[in-house]
Amino acid sequence: MLLEKNKKRLELNQTIINFLKRYDYSFLVSMLVIFTIGILNLYSATHAHTSVHMQGLYKSQLLWFGIANITAFIVSLFPPKSLFRFSYWIYAVNVFLLILVLVMGQKGMGAQRWLVIGGFRLQPSELMKISLALALARYYSKNSPEKELYLKDLIMPFLITIIPTVLIVLQPDLGTGLLLVLIFLVVSFFKRLRWKSIGIIAVIGIVSGLLMYNFGLKEYQRKRILTFIDPQADAKGSGYNAIQSQIAIGSGRFMGKGFKNSSQASLNYLPENHTDFVFSIFNEEHGLFGSIVLIALYIILMMRFIWLSGSVLRFYEAVLAIGVMSIFFWHTFINMCMVMGLMPIVGLPLPLMSYGGSSLLTFGICIGIATSLSNSRNLF
C-alpha cells in the first residue's frame, strides 16, 4: 500500500514537472516586463501630487496586477475547447451587464460605465472586447472557415458587433465602441475578406462617419475632432490636454529628463497623466530612446500573437489569437497616436501602462487566453 502511494505521488510530481516544463511563459513574462515599466512610470507621474490618494495609486495598481496575474494563470489552464464551448455564453452575459450599466450603472466624469457590486467596481465595456473576440472566433470557425467572405457573410458578425457597440456608445464611450468595430474588421480581414468587400466597407465607413459627425456626436465629441485639427483654436479649453501632451513629449528630446523629473506631472500641467497620457510622461522622462524601447516591447508581444495564430492547430484558435492581438494593437496604436497629436483624444488606456483595474484585468485575461492557446500545442 505504501509503495503504491509513493508511486502515485511520484507520478503526480512528474506530471506537474512536465506541465511546468511545457508551459509557455512568454506571454506572462512580456506582461510582467511592460507592467514593471508601467508601475515605475505611474509612481513617477503621481509621487509629487498634492493628493495623498493620487500618491498611493501605484499601490492599488500593484494589487490589481496581482489579481490580473492570478486571473491570467487560471484562464491559461482552460483548454481552448472550453473557451470555444462557452464563447457565446460569455458574450451573452457581457451584453446583459452592458444593459445593466445603462439601467443602474454608477456615473462618473459625465459617463455611466461602471457597475458597483459589494464595493467592487467593474467596467463591462472593457471585458466586452474579449467577449467579442471569443464570439467572432466561434462564429467564423463554424461557418465555412475556408471560404472567402462576401459582404452578405458579414451580416451576422456585424450584428454580433453592433449590439454591444451601440450599448457602449450610449454610456457614452465612443472610443471603446470604435475599438469593437476595429476588432471586427481585423478578425474579418484575417478570415479572408474579399478586396471588393473591403472597398465597399471603406465607402460605407466614410459615409457613416460623416453622418455620425453631423447627427450622432455630442458637442464635446465634435470639439475633440476640431481640437485634433487645430488644438490652438481653444488652447485653454478643449485643446489644453493635447497641447500639454505634445509639450511633454517634445521636451523629453532623445534621452529624456530622467526618472521622477517630469515637469508636466510634478506641476500637474497635464491632467489624466496616470491614465490616458501615461505615454506622454514616459516620453518626457525617458525621451525618444526610452519610447523606442517601449514600442519595441509592444511589437515583440504583437509578433508573438501573430506567430501563435500560425502555430495553433484549429481555425478557432487562430482567429481568437488574432482577435486578442487586435485588442492590444488598437489600444497601443490609438493611445500613442492620440497623445502625439496624430489622432483625436478618445480615452483609450495604454495596455499594462495606464492606471485602471478593469483595464489590467482585461489585458490579464487576454494574456491568459494567449497562453492557453499556446499551451494547447503541447498540453491539451
Protein backbone atom coordinates (compact mmCIF):
# COMPACT_ATOMS: atom_id res chain seq x y z
CA MET A 1 0.00 0.00 0.00
CA LEU A 2 2.79 2.40 0.94
CA LEU A 3 4.70 1.59 -2.26
CA GLU A 4 1.57 2.24 -4.32
CA LYS A 5 1.01 5.63 -2.63
CA ASN A 6 4.64 6.60 -3.22
CA LYS A 7 4.33 5.54 -6.86
CA LYS A 8 1.21 7.71 -7.34
CA ARG A 9 2.91 10.64 -5.63
CA LEU A 10 5.93 10.30 -7.92
CA GLU A 11 3.67 10.12 -10.98
CA LEU A 12 1.82 13.25 -9.85
CA ASN A 13 5.08 15.09 -9.24
CA GLN A 14 6.36 14.06 -12.65
CA THR A 15 3.11 15.25 -14.28
CA ILE A 16 3.45 18.65 -12.59
CA ILE A 17 7.12 18.91 -13.64
CA ASN A 18 6.25 18.03 -17.25
CA PHE A 19 3.41 20.59 -17.19
CA LEU A 20 5.70 23.34 -15.92
CA LYS A 21 8.37 22.44 -18.48
CA ARG A 22 5.96 22.65 -21.42
CA TYR A 23 4.02 25.68 -20.12
CA ASP A 24 4.50 28.78 -22.30
CA TYR A 25 5.70 31.58 -20.02
CA SER A 26 6.49 34.05 -22.83
CA PHE A 27 3.20 35.98 -22.68
CA LEU A 28 3.26 36.24 -18.88
CA VAL A 29 6.89 37.43 -18.98
CA SER A 30 6.03 40.06 -21.63
CA MET A 31 3.16 41.22 -19.44
CA LEU A 32 5.46 41.49 -16.40
CA VAL A 33 8.17 43.44 -18.26
CA ILE A 34 5.78 46.04 -19.70
CA PHE A 35 3.90 46.34 -16.39
CA THR A 36 7.16 46.88 -14.46
CA ILE A 37 7.91 49.84 -16.73
CA GLY A 38 4.31 50.98 -16.29
CA ILE A 39 4.28 50.86 -12.47
CA LEU A 40 7.54 52.82 -12.28
CA ASN A 41 6.09 55.37 -14.68
CA LEU A 42 2.86 55.58 -12.66
CA TYR A 43 4.82 56.16 -9.45
CA SER A 44 6.86 58.87 -11.15
CA ALA A 45 3.74 60.57 -12.54
CA THR A 46 1.92 60.69 -9.17
CA HIS A 47 4.62 60.87 -6.45
CA ALA A 48 4.62 64.69 -6.33
CA HIS A 49 0.83 65.07 -6.47
CA THR A 50 -0.80 67.11 -3.72
CA SER A 51 -3.44 64.42 -3.17
CA VAL A 52 -2.49 61.51 -0.88
CA HIS A 53 -4.92 59.34 -2.85
CA MET A 54 -3.09 60.06 -6.11
CA GLN A 55 0.28 59.34 -4.48
CA GLY A 56 -0.97 55.88 -3.48
CA LEU A 57 -2.36 54.87 -6.88
CA TYR A 58 0.67 52.71 -7.64
CA LYS A 59 -0.17 50.51 -4.62
CA SER A 60 -3.67 49.94 -5.93
CA GLN A 61 -2.21 49.21 -9.37
CA LEU A 62 0.12 46.59 -7.87
CA LEU A 63 -2.85 44.92 -6.18
CA TRP A 64 -4.79 44.84 -9.45
CA PHE A 65 -1.77 43.46 -11.28
CA GLY A 66 -1.62 40.63 -8.77
CA ILE A 67 -5.30 39.89 -9.43
CA ALA A 68 -4.71 40.15 -13.20
CA ASN A 69 -1.76 37.72 -12.98
CA ILE A 70 -3.73 35.16 -10.99
CA THR A 71 -6.63 35.52 -13.43
CA ALA A 72 -4.27 35.12 -16.41
CA PHE A 73 -2.84 31.91 -14.94
CA ILE A 74 -6.29 30.47 -14.16
CA VAL A 75 -7.54 31.30 -17.67
CA SER A 76 -4.41 29.69 -19.16
CA LEU A 77 -5.43 26.39 -17.55
CA PHE A 78 -8.68 26.28 -19.54
CA PRO A 79 -8.22 24.31 -22.77
CA PRO A 80 -9.33 26.07 -25.98
CA LYS A 81 -12.20 23.58 -26.28
CA SER A 82 -13.71 25.07 -23.12
CA LEU A 83 -13.25 28.61 -24.44
CA PHE A 84 -14.99 27.54 -27.65
CA ARG A 85 -17.86 25.92 -25.75
CA PHE A 86 -18.58 28.97 -23.62
CA SER A 87 -17.83 31.74 -26.17
CA TYR A 88 -21.45 32.66 -26.89
CA TRP A 89 -22.42 32.40 -23.22
CA ILE A 90 -19.63 34.77 -22.19
CA TYR A 91 -20.74 37.18 -24.91
CA ALA A 92 -24.41 37.00 -23.83
CA VAL A 93 -23.58 37.60 -20.14
CA ASN A 94 -21.43 40.59 -21.07
CA VAL A 95 -24.21 42.12 -23.20
CA PHE A 96 -26.55 41.69 -20.22
CA LEU A 97 -24.03 43.51 -17.99
CA LEU A 98 -23.87 46.37 -20.52
CA ILE A 99 -27.67 46.68 -20.33
CA LEU A 100 -27.42 46.73 -16.52
CA VAL A 101 -24.88 49.57 -16.76
CA LEU A 102 -27.41 51.72 -18.63
CA VAL A 103 -30.12 50.86 -16.10
CA MET A 104 -28.27 51.03 -12.76
CA GLY A 105 -24.63 51.87 -13.51
CA GLN A 106 -22.55 54.33 -11.50
CA LYS A 107 -21.89 57.70 -13.10
CA GLY A 108 -18.53 59.42 -13.16
CA MET A 109 -16.93 62.19 -15.24
CA GLY A 110 -20.08 62.57 -17.33
CA ALA A 111 -20.38 58.89 -18.24
CA GLN A 112 -22.26 55.87 -16.90
CA ARG A 113 -19.81 52.98 -17.37
CA TRP A 114 -19.41 51.13 -14.08
CA LEU A 115 -21.28 48.51 -12.08
CA VAL A 116 -20.71 48.55 -8.32
CA ILE A 117 -21.21 45.17 -6.66
CA GLY A 118 -20.37 45.00 -2.94
CA GLY A 119 -17.81 47.78 -3.20
CA PHE A 120 -16.24 46.21 -6.30
CA ARG A 121 -16.27 48.43 -9.42
CA LEU A 122 -16.48 46.67 -12.76
CA GLN A 123 -16.43 48.22 -16.24
CA PRO A 124 -18.20 45.68 -18.50
CA SER A 125 -17.21 47.58 -21.66
CA GLU A 126 -13.57 46.57 -21.01
CA LEU A 127 -14.44 42.88 -20.82
CA MET A 128 -16.68 43.18 -23.90
CA LYS A 129 -13.57 43.42 -26.09
CA ILE A 130 -12.61 39.85 -25.11
CA SER A 131 -16.20 38.61 -25.30
CA LEU A 132 -16.50 39.94 -28.86
CA ALA A 133 -13.23 38.28 -29.91
CA LEU A 134 -14.48 34.96 -28.48
CA ALA A 135 -17.90 35.23 -30.18
CA LEU A 136 -16.48 36.21 -33.59
CA ALA A 137 -13.88 33.43 -33.44
CA ARG A 138 -16.57 30.85 -32.74
CA TYR A 139 -18.89 32.16 -35.45
CA TYR A 140 -16.21 32.25 -38.16
CA SER A 141 -14.86 28.83 -37.21
CA LYS A 142 -18.32 27.24 -37.57
CA ASN A 143 -19.34 28.98 -40.81
CA SER A 144 -17.25 27.89 -43.81
CA PRO A 145 -13.80 28.69 -42.35
CA GLU A 146 -12.02 28.00 -45.65
CA LYS A 147 -14.26 30.26 -47.77
CA GLU A 148 -13.60 33.88 -48.71
CA LEU A 149 -16.06 36.33 -47.17
CA TYR A 150 -18.58 38.19 -49.29
CA LEU A 151 -20.44 41.20 -47.94
CA LYS A 152 -23.52 39.11 -47.11
CA ASP A 153 -21.34 36.82 -44.97
CA LEU A 154 -20.64 39.77 -42.67
CA ILE A 155 -24.27 40.38 -41.68
CA MET A 156 -24.31 38.11 -38.62
CA PRO A 157 -20.79 39.02 -37.38
CA PHE A 158 -21.71 42.68 -37.83
CA LEU A 159 -24.85 42.20 -35.71
CA ILE A 160 -22.75 40.44 -33.05
CA THR A 161 -20.50 43.52 -33.06
CA ILE A 162 -23.03 46.33 -33.36
CA ILE A 163 -25.26 45.30 -30.42
CA PRO A 164 -22.58 45.86 -27.71
CA THR A 165 -21.16 48.79 -29.70
CA VAL A 166 -24.46 50.69 -29.52
CA LEU A 167 -24.83 49.90 -25.80
CA ILE A 168 -21.31 51.22 -25.12
CA VAL A 169 -21.71 54.37 -27.23
CA LEU A 170 -24.87 55.16 -25.22
CA GLN A 171 -22.84 55.26 -21.96
CA PRO A 172 -21.25 57.33 -23.69
CA ASP A 173 -17.91 55.73 -24.56
CA LEU A 174 -17.17 56.39 -28.22
CA GLY A 175 -13.56 55.18 -28.00
CA THR A 176 -14.41 51.67 -26.81
CA GLY A 177 -17.32 51.47 -29.27
CA LEU A 178 -14.91 52.32 -32.09
CA LEU A 179 -12.48 49.70 -30.79
CA LEU A 180 -15.11 46.93 -31.07
CA VAL A 181 -15.67 47.84 -34.72
CA LEU A 182 -11.91 47.74 -35.35
CA ILE A 183 -11.65 44.28 -33.72
CA PHE A 184 -14.46 43.10 -36.02
CA LEU A 185 -12.64 44.48 -39.09
CA VAL A 186 -9.28 42.89 -38.16
CA VAL A 187 -10.83 39.48 -37.46
CA SER A 188 -12.90 39.63 -40.68
CA PHE A 189 -9.82 40.61 -42.72
CA PHE A 190 -7.90 37.67 -41.21
CA LYS A 191 -10.80 35.42 -42.20
CA ARG A 192 -10.03 36.36 -45.86
CA LEU A 193 -12.36 39.22 -46.60
CA ARG A 194 -12.58 39.92 -50.35
CA TRP A 195 -10.93 43.17 -51.53
CA LYS A 196 -14.17 44.24 -53.20
CA SER A 197 -15.94 43.87 -49.85
CA ILE A 198 -13.16 45.88 -48.18
CA GLY A 199 -13.71 48.72 -50.68
CA ILE A 200 -17.45 48.73 -50.07
CA ILE A 201 -16.90 48.73 -46.29
CA ALA A 202 -14.48 51.68 -46.64
CA VAL A 203 -17.10 53.69 -48.54
CA ILE A 204 -19.80 52.79 -46.01
CA GLY A 205 -17.40 53.76 -43.20
CA ILE A 206 -16.69 57.19 -44.70
CA VAL A 207 -20.39 57.93 -45.27
CA SER A 208 -21.29 56.65 -41.78
CA GLY A 209 -18.52 58.77 -40.26
CA LEU A 210 -19.84 61.93 -41.93
CA LEU A 211 -23.39 61.17 -40.81
CA MET A 212 -22.20 60.37 -37.27
CA TYR A 213 -20.23 63.62 -37.07
CA ASN A 214 -23.17 65.75 -38.20
CA PHE A 215 -26.04 63.97 -36.42
CA GLY A 216 -24.71 61.40 -33.94
CA LEU A 217 -21.93 63.06 -31.95
CA LYS A 218 -22.39 65.21 -28.88
CA GLU A 219 -20.91 68.70 -28.84
CA TYR A 220 -17.88 67.74 -26.72
CA GLN A 221 -17.15 64.85 -29.09
CA ARG A 222 -17.16 67.20 -32.08
CA LYS A 223 -14.84 69.50 -30.15
CA ARG A 224 -12.34 66.66 -29.77
CA ILE A 225 -12.15 66.27 -33.54
CA LEU A 226 -11.82 70.03 -34.11
CA THR A 227 -9.18 70.15 -31.37
CA PHE A 228 -7.24 67.42 -33.15
CA ILE A 229 -7.20 69.54 -36.32
CA ASP A 230 -6.24 72.76 -34.51
CA PRO A 231 -5.50 72.47 -30.75
CA GLN A 232 -4.57 76.18 -30.58
CA ALA A 233 -8.11 77.21 -31.50
CA ASP A 234 -9.13 76.51 -27.89
CA ALA A 235 -5.78 76.31 -26.12
CA LYS A 236 -7.20 76.84 -22.61
CA GLY A 237 -10.25 74.62 -23.16
CA SER A 238 -10.70 71.51 -25.27
CA GLY A 239 -7.21 71.80 -26.78
CA TYR A 240 -5.40 72.06 -23.44
CA ASN A 241 -4.66 68.35 -22.91
CA ALA A 242 -3.42 67.84 -26.48
CA ILE A 243 -1.08 70.86 -26.25
CA GLN A 244 0.34 69.88 -22.85
CA SER A 245 0.83 66.30 -24.04
CA GLN A 246 2.85 67.46 -27.05
CA ILE A 247 4.91 69.78 -24.82
CA ALA A 248 5.73 66.82 -22.56
CA ILE A 249 6.77 64.61 -25.48
CA GLY A 250 8.83 67.33 -27.17
CA SER A 251 10.65 68.36 -24.01
CA GLY A 252 11.90 64.78 -23.49
CA ARG A 253 14.13 65.03 -26.59
CA PHE A 254 16.36 61.96 -27.15
CA MET A 255 17.30 60.71 -23.66
CA GLY A 256 14.60 62.40 -21.54
CA LYS A 257 14.76 64.35 -18.30
CA GLY A 258 15.17 61.30 -16.08
CA PHE A 259 13.02 59.30 -13.66
CA LYS A 260 10.70 61.47 -11.48
CA ASN A 261 11.78 64.60 -13.36
CA SER A 262 8.65 65.25 -15.42
CA SER A 263 7.63 68.89 -15.04
CA GLN A 264 4.24 68.18 -16.64
CA ALA A 265 3.49 65.60 -13.93
CA SER A 266 5.08 67.28 -10.90
CA LEU A 267 3.44 70.64 -11.68
CA ASN A 268 0.19 68.90 -12.71
CA TYR A 269 0.05 70.69 -16.06
CA LEU A 270 -1.15 67.53 -17.83
CA PRO A 271 -4.44 66.12 -16.46
CA GLU A 272 -5.05 62.36 -16.56
CA ASN A 273 -1.31 61.75 -16.67
CA HIS A 274 -1.85 58.43 -14.85
CA THR A 275 -4.41 57.08 -17.34
CA ASP A 276 -4.77 58.34 -20.92
CA PHE A 277 -1.50 60.32 -21.00
CA VAL A 278 1.00 57.97 -19.32
CA PHE A 279 2.93 57.71 -22.59
CA SER A 280 3.44 61.49 -22.60
CA ILE A 281 5.03 61.37 -19.14
CA PHE A 282 7.14 58.37 -20.16
CA ASN A 283 8.35 60.29 -23.23
CA GLU A 284 9.25 63.34 -21.16
CA GLU A 285 11.29 61.32 -18.66
CA HIS A 286 12.92 58.79 -21.00
CA GLY A 287 12.91 60.58 -24.33
CA LEU A 288 12.85 59.10 -27.81
CA PHE A 289 15.26 56.33 -26.81
CA GLY A 290 13.02 55.07 -24.00
CA SER A 291 9.95 55.29 -26.22
CA ILE A 292 11.64 53.19 -28.92
CA VAL A 293 12.43 50.53 -26.30
CA LEU A 294 8.83 50.51 -25.05
CA ILE A 295 7.39 50.37 -28.58
CA ALA A 296 9.80 47.51 -29.38
CA LEU A 297 8.43 45.56 -26.40
CA TYR A 298 4.88 46.02 -27.67
CA ILE A 299 5.94 44.95 -31.19
CA ILE A 300 7.57 41.80 -29.79
CA LEU A 301 4.32 40.98 -28.00
CA MET A 302 2.26 41.59 -31.18
CA MET A 303 4.61 39.40 -33.23
CA ARG A 304 4.24 36.66 -30.65
CA PHE A 305 0.45 36.79 -31.14
CA ILE A 306 0.89 36.62 -34.93
CA TRP A 307 3.27 33.65 -34.54
CA LEU A 308 0.69 31.99 -32.31
CA SER A 309 -2.09 32.37 -34.89
CA GLY A 310 0.04 30.41 -37.39
CA SER A 311 1.11 27.73 -34.91
CA VAL A 312 -2.15 26.60 -33.31
CA LEU A 313 -3.97 23.51 -34.52
CA ARG A 314 -7.53 24.77 -35.10
CA PHE A 315 -9.05 27.65 -37.05
CA TYR A 316 -10.99 28.86 -33.98
CA GLU A 317 -7.73 29.24 -32.06
CA ALA A 318 -6.06 31.12 -34.93
CA VAL A 319 -8.95 33.61 -35.23
CA LEU A 320 -9.07 34.06 -31.45
CA ALA A 321 -5.31 34.76 -31.32
CA ILE A 322 -5.74 37.49 -33.94
CA GLY A 323 -8.78 38.88 -32.09
CA VAL A 324 -6.83 39.15 -28.83
CA MET A 325 -3.84 40.64 -30.68
CA SER A 326 -6.09 43.31 -32.21
CA ILE A 327 -7.19 44.37 -28.70
CA PHE A 328 -3.57 45.02 -27.74
CA PHE A 329 -2.66 46.55 -31.09
CA TRP A 330 -5.50 49.08 -31.35
CA HIS A 331 -5.16 50.16 -27.71
CA THR A 332 -1.43 50.73 -28.17
CA PHE A 333 -1.67 52.37 -31.60
CA ILE A 334 -4.59 54.70 -30.80
CA ASN A 335 -3.28 55.75 -27.37
CA MET A 336 0.20 56.59 -28.67
CA CYS A 337 -1.19 58.41 -31.71
CA MET A 338 -3.66 60.49 -29.71
CA VAL A 339 -1.07 61.70 -27.16
CA MET A 340 1.25 62.68 -30.03
CA GLY A 341 -1.50 64.65 -31.76
CA LEU A 342 -1.87 62.22 -34.67
CA MET A 343 -5.44 61.22 -33.71
CA PRO A 344 -8.31 62.78 -31.74
CA ILE A 345 -8.32 62.09 -27.99
CA VAL A 346 -10.73 59.19 -27.40
CA GLY A 347 -9.76 57.98 -23.93
CA LEU A 348 -8.27 54.53 -24.52
CA PRO A 349 -5.68 53.31 -21.97
CA LEU A 350 -2.19 52.15 -22.92
CA PRO A 351 -2.01 48.38 -22.24
CA LEU A 352 -0.37 47.50 -18.89
CA MET A 353 0.85 51.10 -18.50
CA SER A 354 -2.28 53.16 -17.76
CA TYR A 355 -3.85 53.09 -14.31
CA GLY A 356 -7.08 51.10 -14.05
CA GLY A 357 -8.25 47.84 -12.50
CA SER A 358 -10.74 46.80 -15.19
CA SER A 359 -8.17 47.55 -17.88
CA LEU A 360 -5.47 45.46 -16.18
CA LEU A 361 -7.92 42.61 -15.64
CA THR A 362 -8.90 42.71 -19.33
CA PHE A 363 -5.31 42.51 -20.54
CA GLY A 364 -4.57 39.81 -17.97
CA ILE A 365 -7.40 37.69 -19.37
CA CYS A 366 -6.06 38.32 -22.90
CA ILE A 367 -2.63 37.07 -21.82
CA GLY A 368 -4.26 34.03 -20.18
CA ILE A 369 -6.16 33.20 -23.38
CA ALA A 370 -2.99 33.52 -25.49
CA THR A 371 -1.10 31.25 -23.07
CA SER A 372 -3.92 28.71 -23.17
CA LEU A 373 -3.83 28.68 -26.98
CA SER A 374 -0.05 28.26 -26.98
CA ASN A 375 -0.16 25.52 -24.35
CA SER A 376 -2.76 23.67 -26.43
CA ARG A 377 0.01 22.78 -28.90
CA ASN A 378 1.72 20.71 -26.21
CA LEU A 379 -0.51 20.18 -23.18
CA PHE A 380 -4.13 19.65 -24.22
